[in-house]
All heavy atoms as atom14 arrays in JSON, in Angstrom:
{
  "sequence": "APSLPTVASVLHRKARNRQVRLAWESALQDLGLSS",
  "atom14_mask": [
    [1, 1, 1, 1, 1, 0, 0, 0, 0, 0, 0, 0, 0, 0],
    [1, 1, 1, 1, 1, 1, 1, 0, 0, 0, 0, 0, 0, 0],
    [1, 1, 1, 1, 1, 1, 0, 0, 0, 0, 0, 0, 0, 0],
    [1, 1, 1, 1, 1, 1, 1, 1, 0, 0, 0, 0, 0, 0],
    [1, 1, 1, 1, 1, 1, 1, 0, 0, 0, 0, 0, 0, 0],
    [1, 1, 1, 1, 1, 1, 1, 0, 0, 0, 0, 0, 0, 0],
    [1, 1, 1, 1, 1, 1, 1, 0, 0, 0, 0, 0, 0, 0],
    [1, 1, 1, 1, 1, 0, 0, 0, 0, 0, 0, 0, 0, 0],
    [1, 1, 1, 1, 1, 1, 0, 0, 0, 0, 0, 0, 0, 0],
    [1, 1, 1, 1, 1, 1, 1, 0, 0, 0, 0, 0, 0, 0],
    [1, 1, 1, 1, 1, 1, 1, 1, 0, 0, 0, 0, 0, 0],
    [1, 1, 1, 1, 1, 1, 1, 1, 1, 1, 0, 0, 0, 0],
    [1, 1, 1, 1, 1, 1, 1, 1, 1, 1, 1, 0, 0, 0],
    [1, 1, 1, 1, 1, 1, 1, 1, 1, 0, 0, 0, 0, 0],
    [1, 1, 1, 1, 1, 0, 0, 0, 0, 0, 0, 0, 0, 0],
    [1, 1, 1, 1, 1, 1, 1, 1, 1, 1, 1, 0, 0, 0],
    [1, 1, 1, 1, 1, 1, 1, 1, 0, 0, 0, 0, 0, 0],
    [1, 1, 1, 1, 1, 1, 1, 1, 1, 1, 1, 0, 0, 0],
    [1, 1, 1, 1, 1, 1, 1, 1, 1, 0, 0, 0, 0, 0],
    [1, 1, 1, 1, 1, 1, 1, 0, 0, 0, 0, 0, 0, 0],
    [1, 1, 1, 1, 1, 1, 1, 1, 1, 1, 1, 0, 0, 0],
    [1, 1, 1, 1, 1, 1, 1, 1, 0, 0, 0, 0, 0, 0],
    [1, 1, 1, 1, 1, 0, 0, 0, 0, 0, 0, 0, 0, 0],
    [1, 1, 1, 1, 1, 1, 1, 1, 1, 1, 1, 1, 1, 1],
    [1, 1, 1, 1, 1, 1, 1, 1, 1, 0, 0, 0, 0, 0],
    [1, 1, 1, 1, 1, 1, 0, 0, 0, 0, 0, 0, 0, 0],
    [1, 1, 1, 1, 1, 0, 0, 0, 0, 0, 0, 0, 0, 0],
    [1, 1, 1, 1, 1, 1, 1, 1, 0, 0, 0, 0, 0, 0],
    [1, 1, 1, 1, 1, 1, 1, 1, 1, 0, 0, 0, 0, 0],
    [1, 1, 1, 1, 1, 1, 1, 1, 0, 0, 0, 0, 0, 0],
    [1, 1, 1, 1, 1, 1, 1, 1, 0, 0, 0, 0, 0, 0],
    [1, 1, 1, 1, 0, 0, 0, 0, 0, 0, 0, 0, 0, 0],
    [1, 1, 1, 1, 1, 1, 1, 1, 0, 0, 0, 0, 0, 0],
    [1, 1, 1, 1, 1, 1, 0, 0, 0, 0, 0, 0, 0, 0],
    [1, 1, 1, 1, 1, 1, 0, 0, 0, 0, 0, 0, 0, 0]
  ],
  "atom14_positions": [
    [[-7.0, 7.75, 4.19], [-8.06, 6.99, 3.53], [-8.77, 7.76, 2.41], [-9.01, 7.2, 1.34], [-9.07, 6.51, 4.57], [0.0, 0.0, 0.0], [0.0, 0.0, 0.0], [0.0, 0.0, 0.0], [0.0, 0.0, 0.0], [0.0, 0.0, 0.0], [0.0, 0.0, 0.0], [0.0, 0.0, 0.0], [0.0, 0.0, 0.0], [0.0, 0.0, 0.0]],
    [[-9.1, 9.06, 2.61], [-9.78, 9.78, 1.52], [-8.97, 9.87, 0.22], [-9.54, 9.95, -0.86], [-10.02, 11.18, 2.11], [-10.02, 10.96, 3.59], [-8.99, 9.89, 3.82], [0.0, 0.0, 0.0], [0.0, 0.0, 0.0], [0.0, 0.0, 0.0], [0.0, 0.0, 0.0], [0.0, 0.0, 0.0], [0.0, 0.0, 0.0], [0.0, 0.0, 0.0]],
    [[-7.65, 9.84, 0.34], [-6.8, 9.95, -0.85], [-6.4, 8.6, -1.4], [-5.66, 8.53, -2.39], [-5.54, 10.76, -0.53], [-4.75, 10.09, 0.45], [0.0, 0.0, 0.0], [0.0, 0.0, 0.0], [0.0, 0.0, 0.0], [0.0, 0.0, 0.0], [0.0, 0.0, 0.0], [0.0, 0.0, 0.0], [0.0, 0.0, 0.0], [0.0, 0.0, 0.0]],
    [[-6.88, 7.52, -0.77], [-6.56, 6.17, -1.23], [-7.86, 5.37, -1.41], [-8.12, 4.4, -0.7], [-5.65, 5.46, -0.22], [-4.29, 6.12, 0.07], [-3.62, 5.42, 1.24], [-3.41, 6.07, -1.17], [0.0, 0.0, 0.0], [0.0, 0.0, 0.0], [0.0, 0.0, 0.0], [0.0, 0.0, 0.0], [0.0, 0.0, 0.0], [0.0, 0.0, 0.0]],
    [[-8.69, 5.77, -2.37], [-10.01, 5.15, -2.5], [-10.01, 3.76, -3.11], [-10.99, 3.02, -2.97], [-10.77, 6.13, -3.41], [-9.69, 6.76, -4.25], [-8.49, 6.87, -3.32], [0.0, 0.0, 0.0], [0.0, 0.0, 0.0], [0.0, 0.0, 0.0], [0.0, 0.0, 0.0], [0.0, 0.0, 0.0], [0.0, 0.0, 0.0], [0.0, 0.0, 0.0]],
    [[-8.93, 3.4, -3.79], [-8.89, 2.11, -4.49], [-7.53, 1.44, -4.3], [-6.57, 2.06, -3.86], [-9.11, 2.3, -6.01], [-8.03, 3.1, -6.53], [-10.45, 2.98, -6.29], [0.0, 0.0, 0.0], [0.0, 0.0, 0.0], [0.0, 0.0, 0.0], [0.0, 0.0, 0.0], [0.0, 0.0, 0.0], [0.0, 0.0, 0.0], [0.0, 0.0, 0.0]],
    [[-7.47, 0.16, -4.68], [-6.19, -0.55, -4.67], [-5.22, 0.13, -5.63], [-4.03, 0.28, -5.33], [-6.38, -2.02, -5.06], [-5.03, -2.73, -5.15], [-7.27, -2.73, -4.06], [0.0, 0.0, 0.0], [0.0, 0.0, 0.0], [0.0, 0.0, 0.0], [0.0, 0.0, 0.0], [0.0, 0.0, 0.0], [0.0, 0.0, 0.0], [0.0, 0.0, 0.0]],
    [[-5.72, 0.53, -6.79], [-4.85, 1.19, -7.78], [-4.22, 2.45, -7.21], [-3.04, 2.73, -7.47], [-5.66, 1.51, -9.04], [0.0, 0.0, 0.0], [0.0, 0.0, 0.0], [0.0, 0.0, 0.0], [0.0, 0.0, 0.0], [0.0, 0.0, 0.0], [0.0, 0.0, 0.0], [0.0, 0.0, 0.0], [0.0, 0.0, 0.0], [0.0, 0.0, 0.0]],
    [[-4.98, 3.2, -6.42], [-4.42, 4.43, -5.84], [-3.33, 4.1, -4.83], [-2.33, 4.81, -4.74], [-5.54, 5.24, -5.17], [-6.1, 4.54, -4.07], [0.0, 0.0, 0.0], [0.0, 0.0, 0.0], [0.0, 0.0, 0.0], [0.0, 0.0, 0.0], [0.0, 0.0, 0.0], [0.0, 0.0, 0.0], [0.0, 0.0, 0.0], [0.0, 0.0, 0.0]],
    [[-3.49, 3.01, -4.1], [-2.45, 2.59, -3.15], [-1.19, 2.17, -3.9], [-0.08, 2.57, -3.55], [-2.95, 1.42, -2.27], [-1.82, 0.88, -1.41], [-4.12, 1.87, -1.4], [0.0, 0.0, 0.0], [0.0, 0.0, 0.0], [0.0, 0.0, 0.0], [0.0, 0.0, 0.0], [0.0, 0.0, 0.0], [0.0, 0.0, 0.0], [0.0, 0.0, 0.0]],
    [[-1.37, 1.37, -4.95], [-0.22, 0.91, -5.73], [0.51, 2.09, -6.37], [1.74, 2.08, -6.48], [-0.68, -0.08, -6.8], [-1.25, -1.4, -6.28], [-1.77, -2.24, -7.45], [-0.2, -2.18, -5.5], [0.0, 0.0, 0.0], [0.0, 0.0, 0.0], [0.0, 0.0, 0.0], [0.0, 0.0, 0.0], [0.0, 0.0, 0.0], [0.0, 0.0, 0.0]],
    [[-0.25, 3.09, -6.8], [0.36, 4.26, -7.42], [1.12, 5.1, -6.39], [2.25, 5.53, -6.63], [-0.72, 5.1, -8.1], [-0.19, 6.35, -8.74], [0.59, 6.33, -9.88], [-0.32, 7.66, -8.39], [0.92, 7.57, -10.22], [0.37, 8.39, -9.32], [0.0, 0.0, 0.0], [0.0, 0.0, 0.0], [0.0, 0.0, 0.0], [0.0, 0.0, 0.0]],
    [[0.48, 5.31, -5.24], [1.09, 6.17, -4.23], [2.28, 5.54, -3.54], [3.22, 6.24, -3.12], [0.04, 6.54, -3.17], [-1.01, 7.54, -3.62], [-0.47, 8.96, -3.59], [-0.13, 9.37, -2.24], [-1.01, 9.83, -1.35], [-2.3, 9.89, -1.66], [-0.61, 10.21, -0.15], [0.0, 0.0, 0.0], [0.0, 0.0, 0.0], [0.0, 0.0, 0.0]],
    [[2.29, 4.21, -3.42], [3.38, 3.56, -2.66], [4.72, 3.72, -3.34], [5.77, 3.62, -2.69], [3.06, 2.09, -2.43], [3.3, 1.16, -3.61], [2.97, -0.27, -3.25], [3.26, -1.23, -4.4], [4.69, -1.33, -4.69], [0.0, 0.0, 0.0], [0.0, 0.0, 0.0], [0.0, 0.0, 0.0], [0.0, 0.0, 0.0], [0.0, 0.0, 0.0]],
    [[4.71, 3.97, -4.64], [5.97, 4.15, -5.36], [6.65, 5.47, -4.98], [7.86, 5.61, -5.12], [5.73, 4.1, -6.86], [0.0, 0.0, 0.0], [0.0, 0.0, 0.0], [0.0, 0.0, 0.0], [0.0, 0.0, 0.0], [0.0, 0.0, 0.0], [0.0, 0.0, 0.0], [0.0, 0.0, 0.0], [0.0, 0.0, 0.0], [0.0, 0.0, 0.0]],
    [[5.85, 6.43, -4.47], [6.4, 7.75, -4.16], [6.3, 8.13, -2.69], [6.95, 9.08, -2.26], [5.68, 8.82, -5.0], [5.82, 8.65, -6.5], [4.99, 9.69, -7.23], [3.57, 9.56, -6.9], [2.64, 10.44, -7.27], [2.98, 11.51, -7.93], [1.38, 10.24, -6.93], [0.0, 0.0, 0.0], [0.0, 0.0, 0.0], [0.0, 0.0, 0.0]],
    [[5.47, 7.4, -1.96], [5.2, 7.76, -0.57], [5.68, 6.64, 0.34], [5.15, 5.53, 0.3], [3.7, 8.01, -0.39], [3.37, 8.54, 0.99], [3.66, 7.93, 2.0], [2.73, 9.71, 1.03], [0.0, 0.0, 0.0], [0.0, 0.0, 0.0], [0.0, 0.0, 0.0], [0.0, 0.0, 0.0], [0.0, 0.0, 0.0], [0.0, 0.0, 0.0]],
    [[6.67, 6.93, 1.17], [7.26, 5.91, 2.04], [6.24, 5.37, 3.04], [6.21, 4.16, 3.31], [8.47, 6.49, 2.78], [9.18, 5.49, 3.68], [10.43, 6.1, 4.28], [11.14, 5.13, 5.13], [10.88, 4.97, 6.43], [9.95, 5.71, 7.01], [11.55, 4.08, 7.13], [0.0, 0.0, 0.0], [0.0, 0.0, 0.0], [0.0, 0.0, 0.0]],
    [[5.4, 6.25, 3.56], [4.41, 5.82, 4.55], [3.42, 4.82, 3.94], [3.1, 3.8, 4.56], [3.64, 7.04, 5.08], [2.72, 6.75, 6.25], [2.02, 7.99, 6.76], [2.07, 9.06, 6.13], [1.36, 7.88, 7.89], [0.0, 0.0, 0.0], [0.0, 0.0, 0.0], [0.0, 0.0, 0.0], [0.0, 0.0, 0.0], [0.0, 0.0, 0.0]],
    [[2.98, 5.1, 2.73], [2.06, 4.2, 2.04], [2.76, 2.89, 1.69], [2.19, 1.8, 1.83], [1.48, 4.86, 0.77], [0.61, 3.86, -0.01], [0.67, 6.1, 1.14], [0.0, 0.0, 0.0], [0.0, 0.0, 0.0], [0.0, 0.0, 0.0], [0.0, 0.0, 0.0], [0.0, 0.0, 0.0], [0.0, 0.0, 0.0], [0.0, 0.0, 0.0]],
    [[4.01, 2.99, 1.26], [4.77, 1.79, 0.89], [4.94, 0.87, 2.1], [4.74, -0.36, 2.0], [6.13, 2.16, 0.33], [6.94, 0.93, -0.14], [8.25, 1.33, -0.78], [9.21, 1.87, 0.16], [9.52, 3.16, 0.27], [8.94, 4.05, -0.51], [10.41, 3.58, 1.15], [0.0, 0.0, 0.0], [0.0, 0.0, 0.0], [0.0, 0.0, 0.0]],
    [[5.29, 1.44, 3.24], [5.48, 0.63, 4.44], [4.16, 0.0, 4.9], [4.13, -1.15, 5.34], [6.08, 1.48, 5.56], [7.53, 1.96, 5.33], [7.97, 2.85, 6.49], [8.47, 0.77, 5.18], [0.0, 0.0, 0.0], [0.0, 0.0, 0.0], [0.0, 0.0, 0.0], [0.0, 0.0, 0.0], [0.0, 0.0, 0.0], [0.0, 0.0, 0.0]],
    [[3.08, 0.75, 4.78], [1.76, 0.21, 5.16], [1.36, -0.92, 4.23], [0.8, -1.94, 4.67], [0.71, 1.32, 5.12], [0.0, 0.0, 0.0], [0.0, 0.0, 0.0], [0.0, 0.0, 0.0], [0.0, 0.0, 0.0], [0.0, 0.0, 0.0], [0.0, 0.0, 0.0], [0.0, 0.0, 0.0], [0.0, 0.0, 0.0], [0.0, 0.0, 0.0]],
    [[1.65, -0.77, 2.94], [1.34, -1.82, 1.97], [2.15, -3.08, 2.25], [1.61, -4.18, 2.27], [1.62, -1.31, 0.56], [1.47, -2.34, -0.52], [2.48, -3.0, -1.16], [0.25, -2.84, -1.06], [1.96, -3.88, -2.08], [0.6, -3.8, -2.05], [-1.09, -2.57, -0.83], [-0.36, -4.49, -2.78], [-2.05, -3.26, -1.57], [-1.68, -4.21, -2.53]],
    [[3.44, -2.91, 2.48], [4.3, -4.07, 2.76], [3.86, -4.76, 4.05], [3.88, -5.99, 4.14], [5.75, -3.61, 2.85], [6.33, -3.14, 1.52], [7.71, -2.52, 1.66], [8.15, -2.34, 2.82], [8.34, -2.21, 0.63], [0.0, 0.0, 0.0], [0.0, 0.0, 0.0], [0.0, 0.0, 0.0], [0.0, 0.0, 0.0], [0.0, 0.0, 0.0]],
    [[3.47, -3.98, 5.04], [3.0, -4.54, 6.3], [1.69, -5.29, 6.1], [1.47, -6.36, 6.7], [2.82, -3.42, 7.33], [2.31, -3.93, 8.55], [0.0, 0.0, 0.0], [0.0, 0.0, 0.0], [0.0, 0.0, 0.0], [0.0, 0.0, 0.0], [0.0, 0.0, 0.0], [0.0, 0.0, 0.0], [0.0, 0.0, 0.0], [0.0, 0.0, 0.0]],
    [[0.81, -4.75, 5.26], [-0.47, -5.4, 4.99], [-0.25, -6.76, 4.31], [-0.89, -7.75, 4.67], [-1.34, -4.51, 4.11], [0.0, 0.0, 0.0], [0.0, 0.0, 0.0], [0.0, 0.0, 0.0], [0.0, 0.0, 0.0], [0.0, 0.0, 0.0], [0.0, 0.0, 0.0], [0.0, 0.0, 0.0], [0.0, 0.0, 0.0], [0.0, 0.0, 0.0]],
    [[0.66, -6.79, 3.34], [0.95, -8.06, 2.68], [1.5, -9.07, 3.67], [1.13, -10.26, 3.64], [1.95, -7.83, 1.53], [1.5, -6.99, 0.35], [2.54, -7.06, -0.77], [0.14, -7.42, -0.16], [0.0, 0.0, 0.0], [0.0, 0.0, 0.0], [0.0, 0.0, 0.0], [0.0, 0.0, 0.0], [0.0, 0.0, 0.0], [0.0, 0.0, 0.0]],
    [[2.38, -8.62, 4.55], [2.96, -9.52, 5.55], [1.86, -10.03, 6.49], [1.84, -11.22, 6.83], [4.04, -8.79, 6.34], [4.78, -9.69, 7.32], [5.94, -8.97, 8.01], [6.08, -7.75, 7.9], [6.76, -9.71, 8.71], [0.0, 0.0, 0.0], [0.0, 0.0, 0.0], [0.0, 0.0, 0.0], [0.0, 0.0, 0.0], [0.0, 0.0, 0.0]],
    [[0.96, -9.16, 6.88], [-0.13, -9.56, 7.77], [-1.0, -10.64, 7.13], [-1.49, -11.55, 7.82], [-1.01, -8.37, 8.12], [-0.31, -7.35, 9.02], [0.77, -7.69, 9.57], [-0.83, -6.24, 9.16], [0.0, 0.0, 0.0], [0.0, 0.0, 0.0], [0.0, 0.0, 0.0], [0.0, 0.0, 0.0], [0.0, 0.0, 0.0], [0.0, 0.0, 0.0]],
    [[-1.18, -10.53, 5.82], [-2.07, -11.46, 5.12], [-1.34, -12.68, 4.57], [-1.97, -13.58, 3.99], [-2.77, -10.72, 3.97], [-3.73, -9.6, 4.41], [-4.23, -8.83, 3.19], [-4.89, -10.15, 5.21], [0.0, 0.0, 0.0], [0.0, 0.0, 0.0], [0.0, 0.0, 0.0], [0.0, 0.0, 0.0], [0.0, 0.0, 0.0], [0.0, 0.0, 0.0]],
    [[-0.02, -12.71, 4.72], [0.75, -13.85, 4.22], [0.94, -13.83, 2.72], [1.13, -14.88, 2.09], [0.0, 0.0, 0.0], [0.0, 0.0, 0.0], [0.0, 0.0, 0.0], [0.0, 0.0, 0.0], [0.0, 0.0, 0.0], [0.0, 0.0, 0.0], [0.0, 0.0, 0.0], [0.0, 0.0, 0.0], [0.0, 0.0, 0.0], [0.0, 0.0, 0.0]],
    [[0.92, -12.64, 2.14], [1.06, -12.49, 0.69], [2.42, -11.89, 0.34], [3.09, -11.31, 1.19], [-0.06, -11.6, 0.14], [-1.49, -12.11, 0.32], [-2.48, -11.0, -0.03], [-1.73, -13.34, -0.54], [0.0, 0.0, 0.0], [0.0, 0.0, 0.0], [0.0, 0.0, 0.0], [0.0, 0.0, 0.0], [0.0, 0.0, 0.0], [0.0, 0.0, 0.0]],
    [[2.78, -12.01, -0.93], [4.01, -11.41, -1.44], [3.67, -10.48, -2.6], [2.56, -10.53, -3.16], [5.0, -12.48, -1.92], [4.51, -13.11, -3.09], [0.0, 0.0, 0.0], [0.0, 0.0, 0.0], [0.0, 0.0, 0.0], [0.0, 0.0, 0.0], [0.0, 0.0, 0.0], [0.0, 0.0, 0.0], [0.0, 0.0, 0.0], [0.0, 0.0, 0.0]],
    [[4.63, -9.66, -2.99], [4.41, -8.77, -4.13], [4.2, -9.57, -5.42], [3.47, -9.15, -6.31], [5.6, -7.82, -4.29], [6.81, -8.55, -4.47], [0.0, 0.0, 0.0], [0.0, 0.0, 0.0], [0.0, 0.0, 0.0], [0.0, 0.0, 0.0], [0.0, 0.0, 0.0], [0.0, 0.0, 0.0], [0.0, 0.0, 0.0], [0.0, 0.0, 0.0]]
  ]
}
């Protein structure tokens, strides 16, 4: 959480970090959203 203060930071990190990418994809699925 301290290294992901904004949505932009999540979007930036998910391109290089598998853990963040999987969490992002899971969050979208939980909310019924798509990329």
